[in-house]
Amino acid sequence: MSPPDRLLLTSIHDVGPRSEAQVDALRDHLGAHVPVESLAMLVVPDHWGEAPLKAGTPFAARLRAWAEAGSEMFVHGWYHRDTSEHESFAARMKAKHMTASEGEFLGLDEETAYRRMTEGRALIEDIIGRPVTGFIAPAWLYGPGAHAAMARAGFALAEDHWRIWKPAAPDAPLAKGPVLTWASRSKPRIASSLFAAAALPPLLRRMPVARIAVHPGDTGVPALLRSISGALAKVARSHRPGRYAELLTGG
């Protein structure tokens, strides 16, 4: 890609009734740097089993309005919470160190993963009145069952920390490179996020596709909001804000 064709993908994770105020704040904050219509929104159908998304509610109407205005919608798990008993050492380490009990799809078997994926898609598509763009697992963590279920469910796109791909063709990534994100749950996580956000933009500016992802918890830490603004301002100088679906069509 030539520099004018470099693509910036910006996403808000954990969208749902539980995070409505924070999502509003993030949309306002990100909108100072990229068109809000280009934002991807990762929707959780029932966050931790405490905040079910329901058709006919005011939040559902807002979700539909955002989709109609151009925001891409992704299925982002079902509960977002990881309740699996992980058998392998690698999975236990990921569950413990990469997320705080949020990697819902890391340990699910194929049938459970498939049911949650397809029921989540049906719910969200009924609300927004159009197809979702794809599936992104909570914490970007997938186990073998999740990978098999995604391909079986026919989702067009998926992503993790390092790539975007078609579940039907997992060995042919559509984009590669790290996603820049922030963590707010502890002072060490905040500090490491700020360090990464200072170091990664020069790398992202050289890549064909740059990804920046934010979470509702970021709104409670002013230093993170300042860091998000700084990173977006830098990357937006070299990349055009766009949509994930452009990777399927070539622009």
Protein backbone atom coordinates (compact mmCIF):
# COMPACT_ATOMS: atom_id res chain seq x y z
CA MET A 1 0.00 0.00 0.00
CA SER A 2 1.17 3.52 -0.71
CA PRO A 3 1.00 5.96 2.24
CA PRO A 4 -2.39 7.47 1.23
CA ASP A 5 -3.83 3.94 1.24
CA ARG A 6 -2.63 3.02 4.70
CA LEU A 7 -5.60 2.12 6.85
CA LEU A 8 -6.32 3.04 10.48
CA LEU A 9 -8.84 0.79 12.24
CA THR A 10 -10.15 2.13 15.54
CA SER A 11 -12.41 0.10 17.80
CA ILE A 12 -14.34 0.39 21.07
CA HIS A 13 -14.50 -2.86 23.02
CA ASP A 14 -17.06 -4.11 25.55
CA VAL A 15 -20.03 -2.18 24.17
CA GLY A 16 -23.27 -2.89 26.00
CA PRO A 17 -25.85 -1.46 28.40
CA ARG A 18 -23.38 -1.78 31.28
CA SER A 19 -20.86 0.54 29.60
CA GLU A 20 -23.19 3.02 27.90
CA ALA A 21 -21.85 6.15 29.62
CA GLN A 22 -18.23 5.16 29.02
CA VAL A 23 -18.94 4.30 25.36
CA ASP A 24 -20.47 7.75 24.91
CA ALA A 25 -17.35 9.30 26.43
CA LEU A 26 -15.07 7.23 24.19
CA ARG A 27 -17.02 8.13 21.06
CA ASP A 28 -16.67 11.80 21.92
CA HIS A 29 -12.98 11.41 22.74
CA LEU A 30 -12.10 9.44 19.61
CA GLY A 31 -14.23 11.70 17.46
CA ALA A 32 -11.71 14.48 17.92
CA HIS A 33 -9.27 12.45 15.81
CA VAL A 34 -11.26 10.10 13.56
CA PRO A 35 -14.84 10.17 12.20
CA VAL A 36 -17.12 8.46 14.71
CA GLU A 37 -18.86 6.79 11.76
CA SER A 38 -15.66 4.81 11.10
CA LEU A 39 -15.44 3.34 14.61
CA ALA A 40 -15.87 -0.39 15.06
CA MET A 41 -17.94 -1.40 18.08
CA LEU A 42 -17.45 -4.77 19.79
CA VAL A 43 -20.76 -5.71 21.37
CA VAL A 44 -21.13 -8.00 24.39
CA PRO A 45 -24.61 -9.61 24.49
CA ASP A 46 -24.68 -10.10 28.28
CA HIS A 47 -21.63 -8.71 30.04
CA TRP A 48 -20.72 -11.06 32.92
CA GLY A 49 -24.34 -12.22 32.95
CA GLU A 50 -25.31 -8.90 34.52
CA ALA A 51 -26.18 -6.61 31.59
CA PRO A 52 -28.24 -8.35 28.90
CA LEU A 53 -28.70 -6.61 25.58
CA LYS A 54 -32.42 -6.60 24.78
CA ALA A 55 -34.32 -5.63 21.65
CA GLY A 56 -36.74 -2.74 22.12
CA THR A 57 -34.70 -0.98 24.79
CA PRO A 58 -33.29 2.56 24.50
CA PHE A 59 -29.75 1.16 24.30
CA ALA A 60 -30.73 -1.20 21.50
CA ALA A 61 -32.14 1.78 19.59
CA ARG A 62 -28.85 3.62 20.04
CA LEU A 63 -26.90 0.60 18.83
CA ARG A 64 -29.03 0.47 15.68
CA ALA A 65 -28.56 4.20 15.11
CA TRP A 66 -24.77 3.86 15.39
CA ALA A 67 -24.83 0.99 12.89
CA GLU A 68 -27.03 2.94 10.49
CA ALA A 69 -24.59 5.87 10.72
CA GLY A 70 -21.75 3.61 9.59
CA SER A 71 -20.17 2.00 12.65
CA GLU A 72 -19.22 -1.64 12.14
CA MET A 73 -20.57 -4.07 14.70
CA PHE A 74 -18.72 -7.17 15.89
CA VAL A 75 -19.94 -9.97 18.13
CA HIS A 76 -17.64 -9.80 21.15
CA GLY A 77 -18.26 -13.03 23.00
CA TRP A 78 -21.43 -13.57 25.00
CA TYR A 79 -20.61 -13.08 28.67
CA HIS A 80 -17.00 -11.87 28.18
CA ARG A 81 -16.17 -13.74 31.39
CA ASP A 82 -13.91 -16.80 31.40
CA THR A 83 -15.29 -19.60 33.56
CA SER A 84 -13.41 -22.49 31.89
CA GLU A 85 -11.07 -24.90 33.63
CA HIS A 86 -7.99 -24.72 31.42
CA GLU A 87 -6.14 -28.01 30.98
CA SER A 88 -2.94 -26.88 29.26
CA PHE A 89 -0.21 -24.87 30.93
CA ALA A 90 -0.13 -22.41 28.02
CA ALA A 91 -3.86 -21.72 28.29
CA ARG A 92 -3.64 -21.29 32.07
CA MET A 93 -0.81 -18.78 31.65
CA LYS A 94 -2.75 -16.82 29.02
CA ALA A 95 -5.86 -16.78 31.18
CA LYS A 96 -3.90 -15.62 34.21
CA HIS A 97 -1.47 -13.10 32.75
CA MET A 98 -3.11 -11.71 29.61
CA THR A 99 -6.51 -10.94 31.09
CA ALA A 100 -8.39 -10.82 34.40
CA SER A 101 -10.86 -13.68 33.87
CA GLU A 102 -12.04 -12.08 30.61
CA GLY A 103 -10.90 -14.59 27.97
CA GLU A 104 -14.29 -16.27 27.59
CA PHE A 105 -13.50 -18.21 24.38
CA LEU A 106 -10.05 -19.48 25.31
CA GLY A 107 -11.28 -22.70 26.92
CA LEU A 108 -14.68 -23.33 25.34
CA ASP A 109 -15.41 -26.50 23.38
CA GLU A 110 -16.59 -26.09 19.79
CA GLU A 111 -20.30 -26.66 20.46
CA THR A 112 -20.49 -24.16 23.33
CA ALA A 113 -18.47 -21.61 21.37
CA TYR A 114 -20.65 -22.09 18.29
CA ARG A 115 -23.86 -21.66 20.26
CA ARG A 116 -22.70 -18.46 21.93
CA MET A 117 -21.34 -17.05 18.67
CA THR A 118 -24.46 -17.74 16.63
CA GLU A 119 -26.89 -16.66 19.32
CA GLY A 120 -24.89 -13.46 19.82
CA ARG A 121 -24.91 -12.77 16.09
CA ALA A 122 -28.66 -13.39 15.83
CA LEU A 123 -29.38 -11.04 18.73
CA ILE A 124 -27.17 -8.21 17.48
CA GLU A 125 -28.26 -8.50 13.85
CA ASP A 126 -31.91 -8.43 14.89
CA ILE A 127 -31.24 -5.20 16.76
CA ILE A 128 -29.11 -3.40 14.16
CA GLY A 129 -31.02 -4.65 11.11
CA ARG A 130 -27.92 -5.67 9.15
CA PRO A 131 -25.13 -8.25 9.22
CA VAL A 132 -22.34 -7.96 11.76
CA THR A 133 -18.84 -7.48 10.36
CA GLY A 134 -17.34 -10.41 12.24
CA PHE A 135 -16.43 -11.99 15.56
CA ILE A 136 -13.69 -10.88 17.96
CA ALA A 137 -13.15 -12.91 21.11
CA PRO A 138 -12.91 -11.17 24.47
CA ALA A 139 -9.29 -10.31 25.28
CA TRP A 140 -8.44 -11.48 21.72
CA LEU A 141 -8.03 -15.02 23.10
CA TYR A 142 -9.19 -18.09 21.14
CA GLY A 143 -8.92 -21.78 21.86
CA PRO A 144 -9.19 -24.60 19.31
CA GLY A 145 -12.94 -24.85 19.89
CA ALA A 146 -13.42 -21.15 19.15
CA HIS A 147 -11.42 -21.33 15.93
CA ALA A 148 -13.44 -24.30 14.70
CA ALA A 149 -16.72 -22.68 15.68
CA MET A 150 -15.89 -19.41 13.92
CA ALA A 151 -15.19 -21.15 10.64
CA ARG A 152 -18.34 -23.23 10.99
CA ALA A 153 -20.44 -20.17 11.80
CA GLY A 154 -19.28 -18.39 8.66
CA PHE A 155 -18.04 -15.14 10.17
CA ALA A 156 -16.33 -12.96 7.56
CA LEU A 157 -13.61 -11.53 9.82
CA ALA A 158 -11.81 -12.15 13.10
CA GLU A 159 -8.80 -10.58 14.82
CA ASP A 160 -6.39 -11.17 17.66
CA HIS A 161 -3.46 -9.20 19.09
CA TRP A 162 -1.33 -9.75 15.99
CA ARG A 163 -3.51 -10.20 12.91
CA ILE A 164 -6.85 -9.98 11.11
CA TRP A 165 -8.05 -12.99 9.12
CA LYS A 166 -10.98 -14.78 7.52
CA PRO A 167 -12.00 -17.70 9.77
CA ALA A 168 -12.51 -19.77 6.62
CA ALA A 169 -8.87 -19.11 5.60
CA PRO A 170 -6.91 -18.70 8.86
CA ASP A 171 -3.50 -19.22 7.25
CA ALA A 172 -3.85 -16.21 4.93
CA PRO A 173 -3.97 -13.10 7.16
CA LEU A 174 -5.57 -9.98 5.77
CA ALA A 175 -3.38 -7.78 7.98
CA LYS A 176 -0.53 -8.30 10.42
CA GLY A 177 0.93 -6.28 13.25
CA PRO A 178 0.28 -5.46 16.90
CA VAL A 179 -2.87 -3.76 18.07
CA LEU A 180 -2.25 -0.74 20.29
CA THR A 181 -4.45 -0.88 23.36
CA TRP A 182 -4.44 0.24 26.99
CA ALA A 183 -5.15 -1.47 30.33
CA SER A 184 -6.60 0.33 33.33
CA ARG A 185 -7.06 -2.32 36.00
CA SER A 186 -3.84 -1.69 37.97
CA LYS A 187 -1.03 0.84 38.25
CA PRO A 188 1.55 -1.53 36.69
CA ARG A 189 -0.81 -2.21 33.77
CA ILE A 190 -1.40 1.50 33.30
CA ALA A 191 2.34 2.18 33.33
CA SER A 192 3.09 -0.56 30.80
CA SER A 193 0.25 0.69 28.58
CA LEU A 194 1.64 4.21 28.58
CA PHE A 195 5.09 2.88 27.69
CA ALA A 196 3.71 0.80 24.81
CA ALA A 197 1.61 3.70 23.54
CA ALA A 198 4.72 5.87 23.37
CA ALA A 199 6.82 3.20 21.64
CA LEU A 200 4.40 1.67 19.11
CA PRO A 201 3.16 4.59 16.95
CA PRO A 202 6.43 4.90 14.95
CA LEU A 203 6.11 1.18 14.11
CA LEU A 204 2.40 1.43 13.31
CA ARG A 205 3.00 4.38 10.98
CA ARG A 206 5.14 2.14 8.76
CA MET A 207 2.53 -0.62 8.51
CA PRO A 208 -0.19 -0.91 5.85
CA VAL A 209 -2.87 -1.43 8.51
CA ALA A 210 -2.68 0.12 12.00
CA ARG A 211 -5.08 -0.85 14.78
CA ILE A 212 -5.99 1.10 17.90
CA ALA A 213 -8.46 -0.32 20.44
CA VAL A 214 -9.94 1.27 23.55
CA HIS A 215 -12.00 -0.01 26.46
CA PRO A 216 -14.62 1.55 28.77
CA GLY A 217 -12.19 1.45 31.72
CA ASP A 218 -9.85 3.83 29.90
CA THR A 219 -12.26 6.68 30.58
CA GLY A 220 -11.49 6.59 34.30
CA VAL A 221 -7.76 7.30 33.90
CA PRO A 222 -6.93 10.78 32.52
CA ALA A 223 -3.38 9.71 31.64
CA LEU A 224 -4.74 6.96 29.41
CA LEU A 225 -7.11 9.35 27.64
CA ARG A 226 -4.23 11.71 26.96
CA SER A 227 -2.16 8.80 25.68
CA ILE A 228 -4.98 7.64 23.40
CA SER A 229 -5.27 11.13 21.93
CA GLY A 230 -1.54 11.35 21.35
CA ALA A 231 -1.33 7.97 19.65
CA LEU A 232 -4.32 8.63 17.41
CA ALA A 233 -2.99 12.03 16.41
CA LYS A 234 0.32 10.48 15.36
CA VAL A 235 -1.07 7.52 13.43
CA ALA A 236 -3.85 9.53 11.77
CA ARG A 237 -1.17 11.63 10.04
CA SER A 238 -0.01 8.61 8.05
CA HIS A 239 -3.16 6.45 7.88
CA ARG A 240 -6.69 7.00 6.63
CA PRO A 241 -9.44 6.13 9.12
CA GLY A 242 -11.43 3.29 7.64
CA ARG A 243 -13.39 0.10 8.25
CA TYR A 244 -12.48 -3.54 8.73
CA ALA A 245 -14.68 -4.60 5.84
CA GLU A 246 -12.37 -2.75 3.45
CA LEU A 247 -9.88 -5.58 3.94
CA LEU A 248 -12.34 -7.91 2.24
CA THR A 249 -12.96 -5.64 -0.74
CA GLY A 250 -9.53 -4.07 -1.22
CA GLY A 251 -10.71 -0.58 -0.26
